Amino acid sequence: MHYTYKTKGTCSTQIDIELEGDIIKNVSFTNGCNGNLKAVSSLVQGLTVDEVEQKLKGITCGFKSTSCGDQLALACREALEASRNA
């Protein structure tokens, strides 16, 4: 399942996620810190939504109350819920 999430409060503006069940197959970010976000995308491939949440949820960036990682955790959960309701 493909899911597009519009981020809030980060330099990245969008996250595209491919899920197979609750497994992350692919992630790509629009805008943001290109190298870091490519690394994050690579590191979460093959993880479950729960694992991504455990690792990334609540991480902040500078003085912001969120981060690209935190937004990814939220996006993965939203994508999983949308796939279950489809």
PDB file of N, CA and C in Angstrom:
ATOM      1  N   MET A   1       0.827  -1.172   0.000  1.00  0.00           N
ATOM      2  CA  MET A   1       0.000   0.000   0.000  1.00  0.00           C
ATOM      3  C   MET A   1       0.877   1.242   0.000  1.00  0.00           C
ATOM      4  N   HIS A   2       0.546   2.191  -0.844  1.00  0.00           N
ATOM      5  CA  HIS A   2       1.251   3.477  -0.881  1.00  0.00           C
ATOM      6  C   HIS A   2       0.476   4.489  -0.067  1.00  0.00           C
ATOM      7  N   TYR A   3       1.195   5.294   0.729  1.00  0.00           N
ATOM      8  CA  TYR A   3       0.554   6.315   1.556  1.00  0.00           C
ATOM      9  C   TYR A   3       1.394   7.580   1.512  1.00  0.00           C
ATOM     10  N   THR A   4       0.746   8.723   1.357  1.00  0.00           N
ATOM     11  CA  THR A   4       1.421  10.016   1.364  1.00  0.00           C
ATOM     12  C   THR A   4       0.994  10.783   2.602  1.00  0.00           C
ATOM     13  N   TYR A   5       1.983  11.272   3.336  1.00  0.00           N
ATOM     14  CA  TYR A   5       1.746  12.011   4.580  1.00  0.00           C
ATOM     15  C   TYR A   5       2.341  13.403   4.438  1.00  0.00           C
ATOM     16  N   LYS A   6       1.557  14.422   4.721  1.00  0.00           N
ATOM     17  CA  LYS A   6       2.035  15.810   4.722  1.00  0.00           C
ATOM     18  C   LYS A   6       2.565  16.128   6.119  1.00  0.00           C
ATOM     19  N   THR A   7       3.841  16.427   6.211  1.00  0.00           N
ATOM     20  CA  THR A   7       4.468  16.661   7.509  1.00  0.00           C
ATOM     21  C   THR A   7       4.043  18.002   8.097  1.00  0.00           C
ATOM     22  N   LYS A   8       4.231  18.121   9.394  1.00  0.00           N
ATOM     23  CA  LYS A   8       3.898  19.336  10.129  1.00  0.00           C
ATOM     24  C   LYS A   8       5.087  19.710  11.010  1.00  0.00           C
ATOM     25  N   GLY A   9       5.605  20.924  10.836  1.00  0.00           N
ATOM     26  CA  GLY A   9       6.652  21.427  11.720  1.00  0.00           C
ATOM     27  C   GLY A   9       8.061  20.988  11.403  1.00  0.00           C
ATOM     28  N   THR A  10       8.302  20.489  10.187  1.00  0.00           N
ATOM     29  CA  THR A  10       9.656  20.054   9.813  1.00  0.00           C
ATOM     30  C   THR A  10      10.063  20.660   8.473  1.00  0.00           C
ATOM     31  N   CYS A  11      11.348  20.561   8.180  1.00  0.00           N
ATOM     32  CA  CYS A  11      11.862  21.040   6.888  1.00  0.00           C
ATOM     33  C   CYS A  11      11.357  20.165   5.744  1.00  0.00           C
ATOM     34  N   SER A  12      11.223  18.869   5.995  1.00  0.00           N
ATOM     35  CA  SER A  12      10.613  18.012   4.979  1.00  0.00           C
ATOM     36  C   SER A  12       9.127  18.350   4.922  1.00  0.00           C
ATOM     37  N   THR A  13       8.545  18.230   3.739  1.00  0.00           N
ATOM     38  CA  THR A  13       7.143  18.629   3.567  1.00  0.00           C
ATOM     39  C   THR A  13       6.217  17.449   3.318  1.00  0.00           C
ATOM     40  N   GLN A  14       6.796  16.308   2.968  1.00  0.00           N
ATOM     41  CA  GLN A  14       5.971  15.146   2.635  1.00  0.00           C
ATOM     42  C   GLN A  14       6.781  13.876   2.833  1.00  0.00           C
ATOM     43  N   ILE A  15       6.077  12.806   3.251  1.00  0.00           N
ATOM     44  CA  ILE A  15       6.692  11.484   3.363  1.00  0.00           C
ATOM     45  C   ILE A  15       5.828  10.510   2.579  1.00  0.00           C
ATOM     46  N   ASP A  16       6.452   9.772   1.678  1.00  0.00           N
ATOM     47  CA  ASP A  16       5.765   8.717   0.933  1.00  0.00           C
ATOM     48  C   ASP A  16       6.233   7.378   1.484  1.00  0.00           C
ATOM     49  N   ILE A  17       5.255   6.532   1.813  1.00  0.00           N
ATOM     50  CA  ILE A  17       5.539   5.251   2.467  1.00  0.00           C
ATOM     51  C   ILE A  17       4.912   4.123   1.670  1.00  0.00           C
ATOM     52  N   GLU A  18       5.656   3.040   1.526  1.00  0.00           N
ATOM     53  CA  GLU A  18       5.118   1.794   0.972  1.00  0.00           C
ATOM     54  C   GLU A  18       5.091   0.779   2.098  1.00  0.00           C
ATOM     55  N   LEU A  19       3.898   0.274   2.409  1.00  0.00           N
ATOM     56  CA  LEU A  19       3.719  -0.736   3.445  1.00  0.00           C
ATOM     57  C   LEU A  19       3.301  -2.057   2.827  1.00  0.00           C
ATOM     58  N   GLU A  20       3.780  -3.129   3.414  1.00  0.00           N
ATOM     59  CA  GLU A  20       3.288  -4.469   3.100  1.00  0.00           C
ATOM     60  C   GLU A  20       2.867  -5.066   4.439  1.00  0.00           C
ATOM     61  N   GLY A  21       1.555  -5.059   4.694  1.00  0.00           N
ATOM     62  CA  GLY A  21       1.086  -5.397   6.036  1.00  0.00           C
ATOM     63  C   GLY A  21       1.530  -4.300   6.978  1.00  0.00           C
ATOM     64  N   ASP A  22       2.274  -4.685   8.037  1.00  0.00           N
ATOM     65  CA  ASP A  22       2.801  -3.665   8.945  1.00  0.00           C
ATOM     66  C   ASP A  22       4.312  -3.466   8.768  1.00  0.00           C
ATOM     67  N   ILE A  23       4.846  -3.936   7.649  1.00  0.00           N
ATOM     68  CA  ILE A  23       6.281  -3.828   7.357  1.00  0.00           C
ATOM     69  C   ILE A  23       6.534  -2.651   6.416  1.00  0.00           C
ATOM     70  N   ILE A  24       7.536  -1.844   6.760  1.00  0.00           N
ATOM     71  CA  ILE A  24       7.937  -0.711   5.920  1.00  0.00           C
ATOM     72  C   ILE A  24       8.778  -1.256   4.766  1.00  0.00           C
ATOM     73  N   LYS A  25       8.320  -1.035   3.541  1.00  0.00           N
ATOM     74  CA  LYS A  25       9.054  -1.496   2.361  1.00  0.00           C
ATOM     75  C   LYS A  25       9.890  -0.383   1.743  1.00  0.00           C
ATOM     76  N   ASN A  26       9.366   0.850   1.775  1.00  0.00           N
ATOM     77  CA  ASN A  26      10.084   1.970   1.174  1.00  0.00           C
ATOM     78  C   ASN A  26       9.590   3.260   1.794  1.00  0.00           C
ATOM     79  N   VAL A  27      10.506   4.207   1.983  1.00  0.00           N
ATOM     80  CA  VAL A  27      10.167   5.534   2.487  1.00  0.00           C
ATOM     81  C   VAL A  27      10.948   6.551   1.678  1.00  0.00           C
ATOM     82  N   SER A  28      10.281   7.635   1.296  1.00  0.00           N
ATOM     83  CA  SER A  28      10.991   8.754   0.663  1.00  0.00           C
ATOM     84  C   SER A  28      10.431  10.063   1.195  1.00  0.00           C
ATOM     85  N   PHE A  29      11.330  11.000   1.426  1.00  0.00           N
ATOM     86  CA  PHE A  29      10.980  12.320   1.944  1.00  0.00           C
ATOM     87  C   PHE A  29      11.075  13.345   0.825  1.00  0.00           C
ATOM     88  N   THR A  30      10.234  14.352   0.891  1.00  0.00           N
ATOM     89  CA  THR A  30      10.320  15.506  -0.005  1.00  0.00           C
ATOM     90  C   THR A  30      10.875  16.663   0.818  1.00  0.00           C
ATOM     91  N   ASN A  31      11.951  17.268   0.324  1.00  0.00           N
ATOM     92  CA  ASN A  31      12.669  18.357   1.005  1.00  0.00           C
ATOM     93  C   ASN A  31      13.336  17.842   2.271  1.00  0.00           C
ATOM     94  N   GLY A  32      13.882  18.726   3.071  1.00  0.00           N
ATOM     95  CA  GLY A  32      14.601  18.326   4.281  1.00  0.00           C
ATOM     96  C   GLY A  32      16.067  18.049   4.011  1.00  0.00           C
ATOM     97  N   CYS A  33      16.747  17.477   4.983  1.00  0.00           N
ATOM     98  CA  CYS A  33      18.184  17.172   4.909  1.00  0.00           C
ATOM     99  C   CYS A  33      18.386  15.895   4.097  1.00  0.00           C
ATOM    100  N   ASN A  34      18.720  16.053   2.849  1.00  0.00           N
ATOM    101  CA  ASN A  34      18.747  14.961   1.883  1.00  0.00           C
ATOM    102  C   ASN A  34      19.525  13.737   2.357  1.00  0.00           C
ATOM    103  N   GLY A  35      20.754  13.910   2.751  1.00  0.00           N
ATOM    104  CA  GLY A  35      21.578  12.758   3.152  1.00  0.00           C
ATOM    105  C   GLY A  35      21.044  12.064   4.385  1.00  0.00           C
ATOM    106  N   ASN A  36      20.688  12.840   5.399  1.00  0.00           N
ATOM    107  CA  ASN A  36      20.161  12.252   6.637  1.00  0.00           C
ATOM    108  C   ASN A  36      18.861  11.511   6.385  1.00  0.00           C
ATOM    109  N   LEU A  37      17.988  12.074   5.572  1.00  0.00           N
ATOM    110  CA  LEU A  37      16.694  11.444   5.338  1.00  0.00           C
ATOM    111  C   LEU A  37      16.822  10.207   4.452  1.00  0.00           C
ATOM    112  N   LYS A  38      17.812  10.178   3.559  1.00  0.00           N
ATOM    113  CA  LYS A  38      18.081   8.946   2.810  1.00  0.00           C
ATOM    114  C   LYS A  38      18.549   7.856   3.771  1.00  0.00           C
ATOM    115  N   ALA A  39      19.363   8.231   4.753  1.00  0.00           N
ATOM    116  CA  ALA A  39      19.852   7.267   5.735  1.00  0.00           C
ATOM    117  C   ALA A  39      18.700   6.742   6.594  1.00  0.00           C
ATOM    118  N   VAL A  40      17.849   7.636   7.077  1.00  0.00           N
ATOM    119  CA  VAL A  40      16.694   7.221   7.880  1.00  0.00           C
ATOM    120  C   VAL A  40      15.818   6.271   7.070  1.00  0.00           C
ATOM    121  N   SER A  41      15.556   6.639   5.827  1.00  0.00           N
ATOM    122  CA  SER A  41      14.729   5.794   4.953  1.00  0.00           C
ATOM    123  C   SER A  41      15.312   4.398   4.822  1.00  0.00           C
ATOM    124  N   SER A  42      16.613   4.316   4.632  1.00  0.00           N
ATOM    125  CA  SER A  42      17.281   3.026   4.491  1.00  0.00           C
ATOM    126  C   SER A  42      17.220   2.218   5.788  1.00  0.00           C
ATOM    127  N   LEU A  43      17.405   2.891   6.909  1.00  0.00           N
ATOM    128  CA  LEU A  43      17.439   2.197   8.202  1.00  0.00           C
ATOM    129  C   LEU A  43      16.090   1.634   8.630  1.00  0.00           C
ATOM    130  N   VAL A  44      14.989   2.242   8.182  1.00  0.00           N
ATOM    131  CA  VAL A  44      13.676   1.744   8.607  1.00  0.00           C
ATOM    132  C   VAL A  44      13.107   0.679   7.675  1.00  0.00           C
ATOM    133  N   GLN A  45      13.728   0.478   6.511  1.00  0.00           N
ATOM    134  CA  GLN A  45      13.244  -0.557   5.595  1.00  0.00           C
ATOM    135  C   GLN A  45      13.281  -1.911   6.290  1.00  0.00           C
ATOM    136  N   GLY A  46      12.169  -2.638   6.211  1.00  0.00           N
ATOM    137  CA  GLY A  46      12.078  -3.963   6.805  1.00  0.00           C
ATOM    138  C   GLY A  46      11.602  -3.971   8.246  1.00  0.00           C
ATOM    139  N   LEU A  47      11.511  -2.789   8.869  1.00  0.00           N
ATOM    140  CA  LEU A  47      11.019  -2.716  10.242  1.00  0.00           C
ATOM    141  C   LEU A  47       9.492  -2.685  10.247  1.00  0.00           C
ATOM    142  N   THR A  48       8.906  -3.051  11.370  1.00  0.00           N
ATOM    143  CA  THR A  48       7.466  -2.923  11.523  1.00  0.00           C
ATOM    144  C   THR A  48       7.137  -1.494  11.952  1.00  0.00           C
ATOM    145  N   VAL A  49       5.874  -1.145  11.818  1.00  0.00           N
ATOM    146  CA  VAL A  49       5.425   0.172  12.264  1.00  0.00           C
ATOM    147  C   VAL A  49       5.718   0.337  13.752  1.00  0.00           C
ATOM    148  N   ASP A  50       5.480  -0.683  14.553  1.00  0.00           N
ATOM    149  CA  ASP A  50       5.762  -0.613  15.992  1.00  0.00           C
ATOM    150  C   ASP A  50       7.243  -0.345  16.263  1.00  0.00           C
ATOM    151  N   GLU A  51       8.116  -0.996  15.519  1.00  0.00           N
ATOM    152  CA  GLU A  51       9.563  -0.788  15.702  1.00  0.00           C
ATOM    153  C   GLU A  51       9.966   0.635  15.339  1.00  0.00           C
ATOM    154  N   VAL A  52       9.401   1.154  14.261  1.00  0.00           N
ATOM    155  CA  VAL A  52       9.704   2.542  13.859  1.00  0.00           C
ATOM    156  C   VAL A  52       9.234   3.500  14.942  1.00  0.00           C
ATOM    157  N   GLU A  53       8.043   3.270  15.473  1.00  0.00           N
ATOM    158  CA  GLU A  53       7.534   4.132  16.550  1.00  0.00           C
ATOM    159  C   GLU A  53       8.428   4.074  17.781  1.00  0.00           C
ATOM    160  N   GLN A  54       8.853   2.881  18.163  1.00  0.00           N
ATOM    161  CA  GLN A  54       9.709   2.722  19.344  1.00  0.00           C
ATOM    162  C   GLN A  54      11.020   3.479  19.187  1.00  0.00           C
ATOM    163  N   LYS A  55      11.563   3.486  17.973  1.00  0.00           N
ATOM    164  CA  LYS A  55      12.860   4.108  17.732  1.00  0.00           C
ATOM    165  C   LYS A  55      12.778   5.615  17.507  1.00  0.00           C
ATOM    166  N   LEU A  56      11.719   6.109  16.862  1.00  0.00           N
ATOM    167  CA  LEU A  56      11.706   7.487  16.381  1.00  0.00           C
ATOM    168  C   LEU A  56      10.681   8.417  17.013  1.00  0.00           C
ATOM    169  N   LYS A  57       9.606   7.872  17.566  1.00  0.00           N
ATOM    170  CA  LYS A  57       8.541   8.716  18.099  1.00  0.00           C
ATOM    171  C   LYS A  57       9.062   9.570  19.249  1.00  0.00           C
ATOM    172  N   GLY A  58       8.762  10.851  19.191  1.00  0.00           N
ATOM    173  CA  GLY A  58       9.141  11.775  20.264  1.00  0.00           C
ATOM    174  C   GLY A  58      10.469  12.474  20.072  1.00  0.00           C
ATOM    175  N   ILE A  59      11.228  12.116  19.047  1.00  0.00           N
ATOM    176  CA  ILE A  59      12.503  12.789  18.791  1.00  0.00           C
ATOM    177  C   ILE A  59      12.212  14.212  18.312  1.00  0.00           C
ATOM    178  N   THR A  60      12.963  15.174  18.847  1.00  0.00           N
ATOM    179  CA  THR A  60      12.802  16.569  18.438  1.00  0.00           C
ATOM    180  C   THR A  60      14.015  17.007  17.623  1.00  0.00           C
ATOM    181  N   CYS A  61      13.877  18.150  16.959  1.00  0.00           N
ATOM    182  CA  CYS A  61      14.961  18.705  16.141  1.00  0.00           C
ATOM    183  C   CYS A  61      15.178  20.153  16.582  1.00  0.00           C
ATOM    184  N   GLY A  62      16.324  20.420  17.172  1.00  0.00           N
ATOM    185  CA  GLY A  62      16.593  21.774  17.658  1.00  0.00           C
ATOM    186  C   GLY A  62      15.525  22.208  18.643  1.00  0.00           C
ATOM    187  N   PHE A  63      14.955  23.376  18.393  1.00  0.00           N
ATOM    188  CA  PHE A  63      13.912  23.912  19.273  1.00  0.00           C
ATOM    189  C   PHE A  63      12.512  23.517  18.831  1.00  0.00           C
ATOM    190  N   LYS A  64      12.421  22.703  17.780  1.00  0.00           N
ATOM    191  CA  LYS A  64      11.116  22.254  17.292  1.00  0.00           C
ATOM    192  C   LYS A  64      10.579  21.154  18.192  1.00  0.00           C
ATOM    193  N   SER A  65       9.263  21.035  18.255  1.00  0.00           N
ATOM    194  CA  SER A  65       8.652  20.008  19.098  1.00  0.00           C
ATOM    195  C   SER A  65       8.542  18.662  18.391  1.00  0.00           C
ATOM    196  N   THR A  66       9.036  18.585  17.162  1.00  0.00           N
ATOM    197  CA  THR A  66       8.992  17.360  16.369  1.00  0.00           C
ATOM    198  C   THR A  66      10.269  17.272  15.544  1.00  0.00           C
ATOM    199  N   SER A  67      10.368  16.234  14.740  1.00  0.00           N
ATOM    200  CA  SER A  67      11.506  16.052  13.829  1.00  0.00           C
ATOM    201  C   SER A  67      11.024  15.224  12.652  1.00  0.00           C
ATOM    202  N   CYS A  68      11.864  15.066  11.655  1.00  0.00           N
ATOM    203  CA  CYS A  68      11.494  14.219  10.521  1.00  0.00           C
ATOM    204  C   CYS A  68      11.285  12.779  10.973  1.00  0.00           C
ATOM    205  N   GLY A  69      12.096  12.318  11.919  1.00  0.00           N
ATOM    206  CA  GLY A  69      11.926  10.969  12.453  1.00  0.00           C
ATOM    207  C   GLY A  69      10.604  10.818  13.191  1.00  0.00           C
ATOM    208  N   ASP A  70      10.268  11.791  14.020  1.00  0.00           N
ATOM    209  CA  ASP A  70       8.998  11.783  14.747  1.00  0.00           C
ATOM    210  C   ASP A  70       7.836  11.806  13.764  1.00  0.00           C
ATOM    211  N   GLN A  71       7.935  12.639  12.725  1.00  0.00           N
ATOM    212  CA  GLN A  71       6.886  12.699  11.718  1.00  0.00           C
ATOM    213  C   GLN A  71       6.774  11.374  10.969  1.00  0.00           C
ATOM    214  N   LEU A  72       7.909  10.703  10.737  1.00  0.00           N
ATOM    215  CA  LEU A  72       7.882   9.398  10.081  1.00  0.00           C
ATOM    216  C   LEU A  72       7.140   8.380  10.951  1.00  0.00           C
ATOM    217  N   ALA A  73       7.380   8.401  12.253  1.00  0.00           N
ATOM    218  CA  ALA A  73       6.674   7.487  13.159  1.00  0.00           C
ATOM    219  C   ALA A  73       5.171   7.727  13.088  1.00  0.00           C
ATOM    220  N   LEU A  74       4.770   8.988  13.099  1.00  0.00           N
ATOM    221  CA  LEU A  74       3.345   9.326  13.002  1.00  0.00           C
ATOM    222  C   LEU A  74       2.777   8.900  11.651  1.00  0.00           C
ATOM    223  N   ALA A  75       3.545   9.134  10.597  1.00  0.00           N
ATOM    224  CA  ALA A  75       3.095   8.786   9.241  1.00  0.00           C
ATOM    225  C   ALA A  75       2.919   7.278   9.086  1.00  0.00           C
ATOM    226  N   CYS A  76       3.839   6.503   9.634  1.00  0.00           N
ATOM    227  CA  CYS A  76       3.741   5.040   9.533  1.00  0.00           C
ATOM    228  C   CYS A  76       2.499   4.531  10.235  1.00  0.00           C
ATOM    229  N   ARG A  77       2.218   5.051  11.416  1.00  0.00           N
ATOM    230  CA  ARG A  77       1.024   4.623  12.155  1.00  0.00           C
ATOM    231  C   ARG A  77      -0.239   5.005  11.380  1.00  0.00           C
ATOM    232  N   GLU A  78      -0.265   6.226  10.842  1.00  0.00           N
ATOM    233  CA  GLU A  78      -1.428   6.676  10.074  1.00  0.00           C
ATOM    234  C   GLU A  78      -1.621   5.815   8.821  1.00  0.00           C
ATOM    235  N   ALA A  79      -0.522   5.478   8.172  1.00  0.00           N
ATOM    236  CA  ALA A  79      -0.589   4.634   6.977  1.00  0.00           C
ATOM    237  C   ALA A  79      -1.135   3.248   7.318  1.00  0.00           C
ATOM    238  N   LEU A  80      -0.662   2.675   8.419  1.00  0.00           N
ATOM    239  CA  LEU A  80      -1.122   1.358   8.837  1.00  0.00           C
ATOM    240  C   LEU A  80      -2.619   1.382   9.152  1.00  0.00           C
ATOM    241  N   GLU A  81      -3.057   2.397   9.870  1.00  0.00           N
ATOM    242  CA  GLU A  81      -4.483   2.515  10.196  1.00  0.00           C
ATOM    243  C   GLU A  81      -5.315   2.681   8.928  1.00  0.00           C
ATOM    244  N   ALA A  82      -4.833   3.469   7.977  1.00  0.00           N
ATOM    245  CA  ALA A  82      -5.554   3.661   6.713  1.00  0.00           C
ATOM    246  C   ALA A  82      -5.644   2.350   5.942  1.00  0.00           C
ATOM    247  N   SER A  83      -4.581   1.539   5.967  1.00  0.00           N
ATOM    248  CA  SER A  83      -4.606   0.268   5.245  1.00  0.00           C
ATOM    249  C   SER A  83      -5.593  -0.700   5.882  1.00  0.00           C
ATOM    250  N   ARG A  84      -5.743  -0.641   7.172  1.00  0.00           N
ATOM    251  CA  ARG A  84      -6.681  -1.516   7.882  1.00  0.00           C
ATOM    252  C   ARG A  84      -8.133  -1.117   7.640  1.00  0.00           C
ATOM    253  N   ASN A  85      -8.343   0.178   7.373  1.00  0.00           N
ATOM    254  CA  ASN A  85      -9.699   0.686   7.135  1.00  0.00           C
ATOM    255  C   ASN A  85     -10.089   0.695   5.666  1.00  0.00           C
ATOM    256  N   ALA A  86      -9.162   0.283   4.808  1.00  0.00           N
ATOM    257  CA  ALA A  86      -9.431   0.320   3.362  1.00  0.00           C
ATOM    258  C   ALA A  86     -10.299  -0.852   2.926  1.00  0.00           C
TER     259      ALA A  86
END
